[in-house]
């Protein structure tokens, strides 16, 4: 035994055929706004996926960048140590220090 009860919700199909211009325009604008919101959500989701892809690619190169950074630091430190340890003289004088050879 089923009870058949008519819904009291708004149903535009049950409204009279002669709707006002305002009602037709409102319905048209509501439909247009809904469609534009759906399109906006679609584009926002696409943008989000692209940003996640870019972030993922950037993370892939972080270990390589860190390795090159360590290599650069190591080479720079070695060059600084070699320059500090070496007695740099004037080429062609035969001496390690030009000041010492000129004082003689």
C-alpha atoms as a PDB file:
ATOM      1  CA  UNK A   1       0.000   0.000   0.000  1.00  0.00           C
ATOM      2  CA  UNK A   2       1.643   3.199  -1.152  1.00  0.00           C
ATOM      3  CA  UNK A   3       0.588   6.611  -0.113  1.00  0.00           C
ATOM      4  CA  UNK A   4       0.653   9.044  -2.973  1.00  0.00           C
ATOM      5  CA  UNK A   5       1.144  12.562  -1.773  1.00  0.00           C
ATOM      6  CA  UNK A   6       1.854  15.480  -4.036  1.00  0.00           C
ATOM      7  CA  UNK A   7       5.023  17.427  -3.275  1.00  0.00           C
ATOM      8  CA  UNK A   8       4.688  20.953  -1.992  1.00  0.00           C
ATOM      9  CA  UNK A   9       8.108  21.954  -3.386  1.00  0.00           C
ATOM     10  CA  UNK A  10       8.366  24.564  -6.116  1.00  0.00           C
ATOM     11  CA  UNK A  11       8.031  22.952  -9.526  1.00  0.00           C
ATOM     12  CA  UNK A  12       8.225  25.290 -12.522  1.00  0.00           C
ATOM     13  CA  UNK A  13       6.390  22.719 -14.668  1.00  0.00           C
ATOM     14  CA  UNK A  14       3.318  23.107 -12.462  1.00  0.00           C
ATOM     15  CA  UNK A  15       3.305  26.892 -12.823  1.00  0.00           C
ATOM     16  CA  UNK A  16       0.986  28.537 -15.319  1.00  0.00           C
ATOM     17  CA  UNK A  17       2.281  29.015 -18.859  1.00  0.00           C
ATOM     18  CA  UNK A  18       2.044  32.776 -18.678  1.00  0.00           C
ATOM     19  CA  UNK A  19       5.098  33.559 -16.567  1.00  0.00           C
ATOM     20  CA  UNK A  20       6.189  37.127 -16.247  1.00  0.00           C
ATOM     21  CA  UNK A  21       9.195  38.585 -18.017  1.00  0.00           C
ATOM     22  CA  UNK A  22      10.901  38.968 -14.661  1.00  0.00           C
ATOM     23  CA  UNK A  23      10.531  35.251 -13.869  1.00  0.00           C
ATOM     24  CA  UNK A  24      11.824  34.177 -17.283  1.00  0.00           C
ATOM     25  CA  UNK A  25      14.763  36.566 -17.087  1.00  0.00           C
ATOM     26  CA  UNK A  26      15.568  35.460 -13.523  1.00  0.00           C
ATOM     27  CA  UNK A  27      15.548  31.796 -14.552  1.00  0.00           C
ATOM     28  CA  UNK A  28      17.737  32.537 -17.559  1.00  0.00           C
ATOM     29  CA  UNK A  29      20.248  34.466 -15.446  1.00  0.00           C
ATOM     30  CA  UNK A  30      20.301  31.787 -12.738  1.00  0.00           C
ATOM     31  CA  UNK A  31      21.026  29.146 -15.408  1.00  0.00           C
ATOM     32  CA  UNK A  32      23.761  31.317 -16.925  1.00  0.00           C
ATOM     33  CA  UNK A  33      25.361  31.949 -13.534  1.00  0.00           C
ATOM     34  CA  UNK A  34      25.247  28.222 -12.721  1.00  0.00           C
ATOM     35  CA  UNK A  35      26.913  27.357 -16.019  1.00  0.00           C
ATOM     36  CA  UNK A  36      29.605  29.996 -15.466  1.00  0.00           C
ATOM     37  CA  UNK A  37      30.287  28.731 -11.937  1.00  0.00           C
ATOM     38  CA  UNK A  38      30.679  25.195 -13.276  1.00  0.00           C
ATOM     39  CA  UNK A  39      33.113  26.464 -15.905  1.00  0.00           C
ATOM     40  CA  UNK A  40      35.010  28.418 -13.242  1.00  0.00           C
ATOM     41  CA  UNK A  41      35.311  25.317 -11.067  1.00  0.00           C
ATOM     42  CA  UNK A  42      36.559  23.299 -14.025  1.00  0.00           C
ATOM     43  CA  UNK A  43      39.251  25.873 -14.809  1.00  0.00           C
ATOM     44  CA  UNK A  44      40.233  26.153 -11.143  1.00  0.00           C
ATOM     45  CA  UNK A  45      40.672  22.372 -10.966  1.00  0.00           C
ATOM     46  CA  UNK A  46      42.814  22.384 -14.122  1.00  0.00           C
ATOM     47  CA  UNK A  47      44.964  25.189 -12.685  1.00  0.00           C
ATOM     48  CA  UNK A  48      45.354  23.283  -9.421  1.00  0.00           C
ATOM     49  CA  UNK A  49      46.518  20.152 -11.251  1.00  0.00           C
ATOM     50  CA  UNK A  50      49.043  22.174 -13.292  1.00  0.00           C
ATOM     51  CA  UNK A  51      50.417  23.831 -10.145  1.00  0.00           C
ATOM     52  CA  UNK A  52      50.807  20.428  -8.504  1.00  0.00           C
ATOM     53  CA  UNK A  53      52.702  19.191 -11.585  1.00  0.00           C
ATOM     54  CA  UNK A  54      55.047  22.202 -11.515  1.00  0.00           C
ATOM     55  CA  UNK A  55      55.673  21.718  -7.806  1.00  0.00           C
ATOM     56  CA  UNK A  56      56.403  18.018  -8.383  1.00  0.00           C
ATOM     57  CA  UNK A  57      58.925  18.777 -11.138  1.00  0.00           C
ATOM     58  CA  UNK A  58      60.634  21.331  -8.900  1.00  0.00           C
ATOM     59  CA  UNK A  59      60.955  18.775  -6.107  1.00  0.00           C
ATOM     60  CA  UNK A  60      62.606  16.311  -8.509  1.00  0.00           C
ATOM     61  CA  UNK A  61      65.495  18.730  -9.078  1.00  0.00           C
ATOM     62  CA  UNK A  62      66.064  19.652  -5.431  1.00  0.00           C
ATOM     63  CA  UNK A  63      68.497  16.780  -4.799  1.00  0.00           C
ATOM     64  CA  UNK A  64      70.479  17.607  -7.953  1.00  0.00           C
ATOM     65  CA  UNK A  65      70.631  21.286  -6.948  1.00  0.00           C
ATOM     66  CA  UNK A  66      71.782  20.340  -3.456  1.00  0.00           C
ATOM     67  CA  UNK A  67      74.525  18.114  -4.878  1.00  0.00           C
ATOM     68  CA  UNK A  68      75.816  20.883  -7.168  1.00  0.00           C
ATOM     69  CA  UNK A  69      75.701  23.318  -4.248  1.00  0.00           C
ATOM     70  CA  UNK A  70      77.894  21.037  -2.153  1.00  0.00           C
ATOM     71  CA  UNK A  71      80.303  20.596  -5.067  1.00  0.00           C
ATOM     72  CA  UNK A  72      80.514  24.386  -5.519  1.00  0.00           C
ATOM     73  CA  UNK A  73      81.209  24.901  -1.805  1.00  0.00           C
ATOM     74  CA  UNK A  74      83.912  22.207  -1.811  1.00  0.00           C
ATOM     75  CA  UNK A  75      85.712  23.673  -4.843  1.00  0.00           C
ATOM     76  CA  UNK A  76      85.486  27.234  -3.468  1.00  0.00           C
ATOM     77  CA  UNK A  77      86.926  26.129  -0.104  1.00  0.00           C
ATOM     78  CA  UNK A  78      89.789  24.256  -1.805  1.00  0.00           C
ATOM     79  CA  UNK A  79      90.649  27.258  -3.968  1.00  0.00           C
ATOM     80  CA  UNK A  80      90.660  29.537  -0.908  1.00  0.00           C
ATOM     81  CA  UNK A  81      92.960  27.146   0.969  1.00  0.00           C
ATOM     82  CA  UNK A  82      95.346  26.815  -1.990  1.00  0.00           C
ATOM     83  CA  UNK A  83      95.527  30.571  -2.474  1.00  0.00           C
ATOM     84  CA  UNK A  84      96.246  31.156   1.213  1.00  0.00           C
ATOM     85  CA  UNK A  85      98.925  28.429   1.346  1.00  0.00           C
ATOM     86  CA  UNK A  86     100.773  29.415  -1.811  1.00  0.00           C
ATOM     87  CA  UNK A  87     103.485  32.063  -1.855  1.00  0.00           C
ATOM     88  CA  UNK A  88     102.504  33.956  -4.935  1.00  0.00           C
ATOM     89  CA  UNK A  89     105.487  35.763  -6.405  1.00  0.00           C
ATOM     90  CA  UNK A  90     106.092  37.883  -9.446  1.00  0.00           C
ATOM     91  CA  UNK A  91     106.615  35.781 -12.555  1.00  0.00           C
ATOM     92  CA  UNK A  92     110.135  35.849 -13.993  1.00  0.00           C
ATOM     93  CA  UNK A  93     111.935  36.898 -10.798  1.00  0.00           C
ATOM     94  CA  UNK A  94     112.853  33.403  -9.678  1.00  0.00           C
ATOM     95  CA  UNK A  95     111.814  34.251  -6.163  1.00  0.00           C
ATOM     96  CA  UNK A  96     108.699  33.376  -4.248  1.00  0.00           C
ATOM     97  CA  UNK A  97     108.289  36.870  -2.888  1.00  0.00           C
ATOM     98  CA  UNK A  98     109.250  39.935  -4.915  1.00  0.00           C
ATOM     99  CA  UNK A  99     109.523  42.167  -1.860  1.00  0.00           C
ATOM    100  CA  UNK A 100     112.162  39.909  -0.308  1.00  0.00           C
ATOM    101  CA  UNK A 101     114.218  39.743  -3.530  1.00  0.00           C
ATOM    102  CA  UNK A 102     114.117  43.525  -4.042  1.00  0.00           C
ATOM    103  CA  UNK A 103     115.401  44.170  -0.512  1.00  0.00           C
ATOM    104  CA  UNK A 104     118.712  42.416  -1.227  1.00  0.00           C
END
